[in-house]
Structures are given as structure tokens and as C-alpha cells.
């Protein structure tokens, strides 16, 4: 399992390193991850027995990252307008069904998937398009994923105290602290290619460590609710696409907000 994790992680890292210099290429790869992650999320819901708008949701979800890539922004904060229009569209779709059973669950879970995966993850593309985007995107990826690595390494070797066993029995307090330490160290190491003071980087390291682990736990909670272990099997040793990006779901929008609003 460890060897498979290393191989899968190496391939993913190699693809990111090879493409991050080209904004449209890394953005398209990110969009592909978003769509695949959304597909896995909707498949999880189907496994649970929920009636959702899977392929309509996939189409709507793909529009958010693609519109950012092609700079389609008719209004400021247009994503909220898009989500409102998507909700109206799904309600109209429900009118075409023969029965009303499960209407609220089907519509709300489809919208939730678009919001939770497509919108939140699309902030990675926005980060790449910021001034100094190569360094900033590298930073959020390194800080978040080093937190994953630290939590795994410390947790598997020193973990004894369960964190939230009803959600993820294998996650421990020691692992969470290890992830926090690794994220902070990674953040401080980003100083050589990100023009931020160490005080900012220290705060960002702590914040992204907490948010990354919340993202991981949130996906674990959903998988447990759906009765599955992994969201998919596309990456041997890691699981599905959603298993690989779950820690970035909350860190990406938070990092973008910090860089574009707080430090503006």
C-alpha cells in the first residue's frame, strides 16, 4: 500500500510540476480533476440510493472552472448568480419527472456537489491567475499536501489517541498535530518563492493545516454515510480523485481570499 501511494503521488506531482508553468494547461488539468471528483461524489450518492441529477450536475459543475479558464465573468461574483440559475434549472427539470418523491433531496444534493467541489476547487484556478500565481499555487498545494503527509506519517507511527472515531477510526490526535507541524514547516519553506513575511506564512500554515484536515474529515464523513471506503480507485494506494483533493476543498478558497482580500 505504501509503495502504491508513493508511485501514485509521484505521478501526480510530476504532472503538476510539468504543467504549472503554463496557466491554461494546469487550469485544464484542475478542471479535469474537478469534473472527475464531482462524478465520484454523485456516484457515491447513487450508491446510497439517492435520486440525483448526475449528468446535469456534471455539466453545470464543469461550467464553473471552464468559465474561469476562459475569463467569462459577466458580473462580479457571478458564481452566486450561476448557482441561483442552476437551482432554478434543476427545479424546472423536476417538473418533467412523473413523481415528486425525493425532489428536495435530489435538487439540494446536486447543488451541494456543485458548490462543494466545483466552486470551491475552482479557486485553485483563480489562484494561478493571480499575480505571482505560479508561486502562490505551488504554496497552497505544498502546504496542504505536506499536512496530509505529516498526518499520515505521524499518525501511522505514533498515533494512539482517536480524533473522531465515528467518522474516521484511523485518524488520531497525534496525526493531526503532525499534519499541523508539517504544514507550518512547508509554509515557512515557501518564503524563498513567495514574497510574504514569515508571520503571514506561519498563520497561513496553521490555517491551511486546520482547513485541510477539516476537508479530509468532511469527505470521510460523507463516505461513511454512503457506506463506502474510497470514492474511487483511479489512483492505486490513494483511492479516487475525490480522496486526493479532499484536503484542498477548503484550503483553496481560504487561501485565495487571504491573498486577494486580506493582503490586497
Protein backbone atom coordinates (compact mmCIF):
# COMPACT_ATOMS: atom_id res chain seq x y z
CA UNK A 1 0.00 0.00 0.00
CA UNK A 2 2.80 2.44 0.87
CA UNK A 3 4.60 1.68 -2.41
CA UNK A 4 1.38 2.27 -4.35
CA UNK A 5 0.87 5.57 -2.52
CA UNK A 6 4.39 6.67 -3.38
CA UNK A 7 4.03 5.75 -7.07
CA UNK A 8 0.63 7.43 -7.44
CA UNK A 9 1.78 10.53 -5.58
CA UNK A 10 4.95 10.75 -7.69
CA UNK A 11 2.94 10.62 -10.92
CA UNK A 12 0.53 13.31 -9.72
CA UNK A 13 3.38 15.55 -8.56
CA UNK A 14 5.23 15.07 -11.85
CA UNK A 15 2.15 16.11 -13.84
CA UNK A 16 1.65 19.20 -11.67
CA UNK A 17 5.31 20.24 -11.84
CA UNK A 18 5.38 19.75 -15.61
CA UNK A 19 2.25 21.81 -16.22
CA UNK A 20 2.16 24.51 -13.53
CA UNK A 21 4.28 26.89 -15.63
CA UNK A 22 1.54 27.05 -18.28
CA UNK A 23 -1.55 28.68 -16.81
CA UNK A 24 -4.12 27.25 -19.24
CA UNK A 25 -2.65 23.73 -19.01
CA UNK A 26 -2.63 23.47 -15.21
CA UNK A 27 -6.09 25.06 -15.23
CA UNK A 28 -7.45 22.41 -17.63
CA UNK A 29 -5.89 19.66 -15.52
CA UNK A 30 -7.52 21.18 -12.43
CA UNK A 31 -10.84 21.32 -14.28
CA UNK A 32 -10.47 17.63 -15.17
CA UNK A 33 -9.85 16.79 -11.51
CA UNK A 34 -12.92 18.81 -10.55
CA UNK A 35 -15.19 17.00 -13.02
CA UNK A 36 -13.84 13.57 -12.05
CA UNK A 37 -14.19 14.40 -8.35
CA UNK A 38 -17.75 15.58 -8.92
CA UNK A 39 -18.52 12.38 -10.84
CA UNK A 40 -17.25 10.30 -7.91
CA UNK A 41 -19.30 12.38 -5.48
CA UNK A 42 -22.51 11.86 -7.46
CA UNK A 43 -21.70 8.15 -7.82
CA UNK A 44 -21.37 7.93 -4.02
CA UNK A 45 -24.85 9.44 -3.67
CA UNK A 46 -26.26 6.96 -6.17
CA UNK A 47 -24.68 4.13 -4.18
CA UNK A 48 -26.54 5.46 -1.16
CA UNK A 49 -29.75 5.18 -3.18
CA UNK A 50 -30.43 8.89 -3.77
CA UNK A 51 -32.09 10.03 -6.96
CA UNK A 52 -29.98 12.93 -8.25
CA UNK A 53 -29.38 14.85 -11.47
CA UNK A 54 -25.99 13.28 -12.06
CA UNK A 55 -25.14 14.25 -15.61
CA UNK A 56 -26.92 17.58 -15.48
CA UNK A 57 -24.94 18.30 -12.32
CA UNK A 58 -21.72 17.28 -14.06
CA UNK A 59 -22.44 19.62 -16.95
CA UNK A 60 -23.29 22.53 -14.66
CA UNK A 61 -20.30 21.76 -12.46
CA UNK A 62 -17.92 21.79 -15.41
CA UNK A 63 -19.07 25.27 -16.43
CA UNK A 64 -17.59 26.94 -13.35
CA UNK A 65 -13.89 26.03 -13.86
CA UNK A 66 -14.16 26.33 -17.64
CA UNK A 67 -15.68 29.80 -17.41
CA UNK A 68 -12.81 30.90 -15.15
CA UNK A 69 -10.25 29.50 -17.59
CA UNK A 70 -11.81 31.41 -20.50
CA UNK A 71 -12.30 34.57 -18.38
CA UNK A 72 -16.10 34.51 -18.68
CA UNK A 73 -17.22 36.77 -15.83
CA UNK A 74 -20.28 38.84 -16.83
CA UNK A 75 -20.67 40.24 -13.30
CA UNK A 76 -18.53 40.44 -10.18
CA UNK A 77 -19.23 37.41 -8.03
CA UNK A 78 -21.13 35.86 -10.91
CA UNK A 79 -20.72 32.34 -9.44
CA UNK A 80 -23.53 33.06 -6.97
CA UNK A 81 -25.78 34.13 -9.84
CA UNK A 82 -24.82 30.94 -11.66
CA UNK A 83 -25.76 28.80 -8.65
CA UNK A 84 -29.15 30.53 -8.43
CA UNK A 85 -29.77 29.89 -12.14
CA UNK A 86 -28.63 26.28 -11.70
CA UNK A 87 -31.13 25.86 -8.85
CA UNK A 88 -33.94 27.27 -10.97
CA UNK A 89 -32.94 24.98 -13.85
CA UNK A 90 -32.95 21.88 -11.60
CA UNK A 91 -36.38 22.83 -10.25
CA UNK A 92 -37.64 23.07 -13.82
CA UNK A 93 -36.08 19.68 -14.52
CA UNK A 94 -38.02 18.27 -11.57
CA UNK A 95 -41.25 19.46 -13.20
CA UNK A 96 -40.62 17.00 -16.04
CA UNK A 97 -40.48 13.99 -13.68
CA UNK A 98 -43.54 11.87 -13.12
CA UNK A 99 -43.29 11.84 -9.33
CA UNK A 100 -42.32 14.29 -6.60
CA UNK A 101 -40.70 11.76 -4.29
CA UNK A 102 -37.13 12.76 -3.41
CA UNK A 103 -37.36 16.14 -5.16
CA UNK A 104 -35.85 18.15 -2.31
CA UNK A 105 -33.01 15.67 -1.72
CA UNK A 106 -32.22 15.32 -5.43
CA UNK A 107 -32.09 19.06 -6.09
CA UNK A 108 -30.27 20.04 -2.89
CA UNK A 109 -27.60 17.33 -3.12
CA UNK A 110 -26.89 18.18 -6.76
CA UNK A 111 -26.46 21.85 -5.89
CA UNK A 112 -24.35 20.92 -2.88
CA UNK A 113 -21.99 18.86 -5.07
CA UNK A 114 -21.55 21.76 -7.49
CA UNK A 115 -20.87 24.17 -4.62
CA UNK A 116 -18.70 21.83 -2.54
CA UNK A 117 -16.49 20.52 -5.34
CA UNK A 118 -16.77 22.64 -8.49
CA UNK A 119 -16.94 26.09 -6.95
CA UNK A 120 -14.54 25.55 -4.04
CA UNK A 121 -11.92 23.69 -6.10
CA UNK A 122 -12.12 26.25 -8.93
CA UNK A 123 -10.36 28.70 -6.60
CA UNK A 124 -7.15 26.83 -7.45
CA UNK A 125 -7.53 28.17 -10.99
CA UNK A 126 -8.17 31.67 -9.66
CA UNK A 127 -5.02 31.42 -7.54
CA UNK A 128 -2.97 30.53 -10.62
CA UNK A 129 -4.27 33.65 -12.39
CA UNK A 130 -3.24 35.97 -9.53
CA UNK A 131 -0.02 37.97 -9.84
CA UNK A 132 2.78 35.57 -8.94
CA UNK A 133 0.30 32.73 -9.43
CA UNK A 134 2.89 30.02 -10.02
CA UNK A 135 4.42 30.54 -6.59
CA UNK A 136 1.05 31.00 -4.87
CA UNK A 137 -0.47 27.86 -6.38
CA UNK A 138 2.69 25.93 -5.52
CA UNK A 139 2.43 27.21 -1.95
CA UNK A 140 -1.18 26.20 -1.33
CA UNK A 141 -0.53 22.75 -2.83
CA UNK A 142 2.66 22.20 -0.83
CA UNK A 143 1.25 23.44 2.48
CA UNK A 144 -1.95 21.42 2.15
CA UNK A 145 -0.42 18.18 0.90
CA UNK A 146 2.51 18.31 3.32
CA UNK A 147 -0.14 18.46 6.01
CA UNK A 148 -1.61 15.23 4.58
CA UNK A 149 1.82 13.62 4.53
CA UNK A 150 2.60 14.68 8.08
CA UNK A 151 -0.74 13.44 9.38
CA UNK A 152 -0.22 10.07 7.66
CA UNK A 153 3.39 9.56 8.74
CA UNK A 154 2.98 10.66 12.35
CA UNK A 155 -0.42 9.02 12.68
CA UNK A 156 0.72 5.61 11.42
CA UNK A 157 3.80 5.59 13.64
CA UNK A 158 2.85 7.48 16.79
CA UNK A 159 -0.94 7.71 16.63
CA UNK A 160 -2.70 6.38 19.74
CA UNK A 161 -5.50 8.82 20.57
CA UNK A 162 -8.51 8.64 18.20
CA UNK A 163 -9.51 12.01 16.77
CA UNK A 164 -13.15 11.43 15.78
CA UNK A 165 -13.56 7.62 15.63
CA UNK A 166 -17.19 7.67 14.49
CA UNK A 167 -16.08 9.49 11.31
CA UNK A 168 -12.59 8.10 10.69
CA UNK A 169 -11.32 5.45 13.12
CA UNK A 170 -7.73 5.60 11.82
CA UNK A 171 -7.24 9.35 12.27
CA UNK A 172 -5.57 10.33 15.53
CA UNK A 173 -4.81 13.45 17.53
CA UNK A 174 -1.10 12.76 17.11
CA UNK A 175 -1.56 12.55 13.35
CA UNK A 176 -3.47 15.86 13.34
CA UNK A 177 -0.65 17.54 15.27
CA UNK A 178 1.89 16.02 12.87
CA UNK A 179 -0.06 17.43 9.94
CA UNK A 180 -0.12 20.84 11.62
CA UNK A 181 3.65 20.78 12.12
CA UNK A 182 4.37 19.69 8.54
CA UNK A 183 2.04 22.37 7.11
CA UNK A 184 3.68 25.13 9.14
CA UNK A 185 7.18 23.99 8.12
CA UNK A 186 6.09 23.81 4.47
CA UNK A 187 4.59 27.29 4.72
CA UNK A 188 7.82 28.73 6.13
CA UNK A 189 9.81 26.96 3.41
CA UNK A 190 7.68 28.73 0.79
CA UNK A 191 9.35 32.00 1.77
CA UNK A 192 12.01 31.55 -0.92
CA UNK A 193 9.49 31.71 -3.77
CA UNK A 194 6.53 33.60 -2.22
CA UNK A 195 7.03 37.23 -1.25
CA UNK A 196 5.34 37.09 2.17
CA UNK A 197 6.61 37.78 5.67
CA UNK A 198 7.25 34.81 7.94
CA UNK A 199 4.41 35.98 10.21
CA UNK A 200 1.92 35.67 7.35
CA UNK A 201 3.32 32.31 6.28
CA UNK A 202 3.16 31.00 9.85
CA UNK A 203 -0.51 31.99 10.12
CA UNK A 204 -1.28 30.56 6.67
CA UNK A 205 0.42 27.28 7.63
CA UNK A 206 -1.75 26.91 10.74
CA UNK A 207 -4.96 27.93 8.96
CA UNK A 208 -4.46 25.64 5.97
CA UNK A 209 -3.45 22.74 8.22
CA UNK A 210 -6.75 23.01 10.11
CA UNK A 211 -8.85 23.55 6.98
CA UNK A 212 -7.09 20.74 5.12
CA UNK A 213 -7.88 18.27 7.89
CA UNK A 214 -11.47 19.52 8.03
CA UNK A 215 -11.74 18.84 4.30
CA UNK A 216 -10.36 15.35 4.79
CA UNK A 217 -12.75 14.66 7.68
CA UNK A 218 -15.74 16.04 5.79
CA UNK A 219 -15.17 13.63 2.91
CA UNK A 220 -14.64 10.76 5.38
CA UNK A 221 -17.97 11.64 6.97
CA UNK A 222 -19.74 11.57 3.60
CA UNK A 223 -18.13 8.27 2.60
CA UNK A 224 -19.17 6.71 5.90
CA UNK A 225 -22.70 8.00 5.36
CA UNK A 226 -22.72 6.41 1.90
CA UNK A 227 -21.19 3.16 3.20
CA UNK A 228 -18.03 3.16 1.07
CA UNK A 229 -14.31 3.17 1.86
CA UNK A 230 -12.89 5.09 -1.11
CA UNK A 231 -14.55 7.47 -3.56
CA UNK A 232 -12.91 5.56 -6.43
CA UNK A 233 -9.85 3.53 -7.43
CA UNK A 234 -8.24 5.63 -10.16
CA UNK A 235 -5.07 6.15 -8.08
CA UNK A 236 -3.72 2.90 -6.57
CA UNK A 237 -2.98 3.34 -2.89
CA UNK A 238 -4.71 6.72 -2.75
CA UNK A 239 -8.23 5.85 -3.88
CA UNK A 240 -10.26 8.12 -6.09
CA UNK A 241 -9.81 11.67 -7.31
CA UNK A 242 -12.00 13.00 -4.51
CA UNK A 243 -9.82 11.18 -1.97
CA UNK A 244 -6.81 13.02 -3.40
CA UNK A 245 -8.29 16.53 -3.48
CA UNK A 246 -10.49 16.50 -0.35
CA UNK A 247 -7.98 18.43 1.77
CA UNK A 248 -7.84 21.21 -0.87
CA UNK A 249 -11.58 21.82 -0.93
CA UNK A 250 -11.49 24.31 1.96
CA UNK A 251 -7.87 25.47 1.71
CA UNK A 252 -8.16 26.74 -1.88
CA UNK A 253 -10.94 29.34 -1.31
CA UNK A 254 -9.50 30.37 2.07
CA UNK A 255 -6.02 30.93 0.59
CA UNK A 256 -7.45 32.87 -2.36
CA UNK A 257 -9.46 35.08 -0.01
CA UNK A 258 -6.41 35.75 2.17
CA UNK A 259 -4.19 36.63 -0.78
CA UNK A 260 -6.70 38.68 -2.77
CA UNK A 261 -8.59 40.44 0.03
CA UNK A 262 -6.60 40.49 3.27
CA UNK A 263 -3.22 41.18 1.62
CA UNK A 264 -4.57 43.26 -1.26
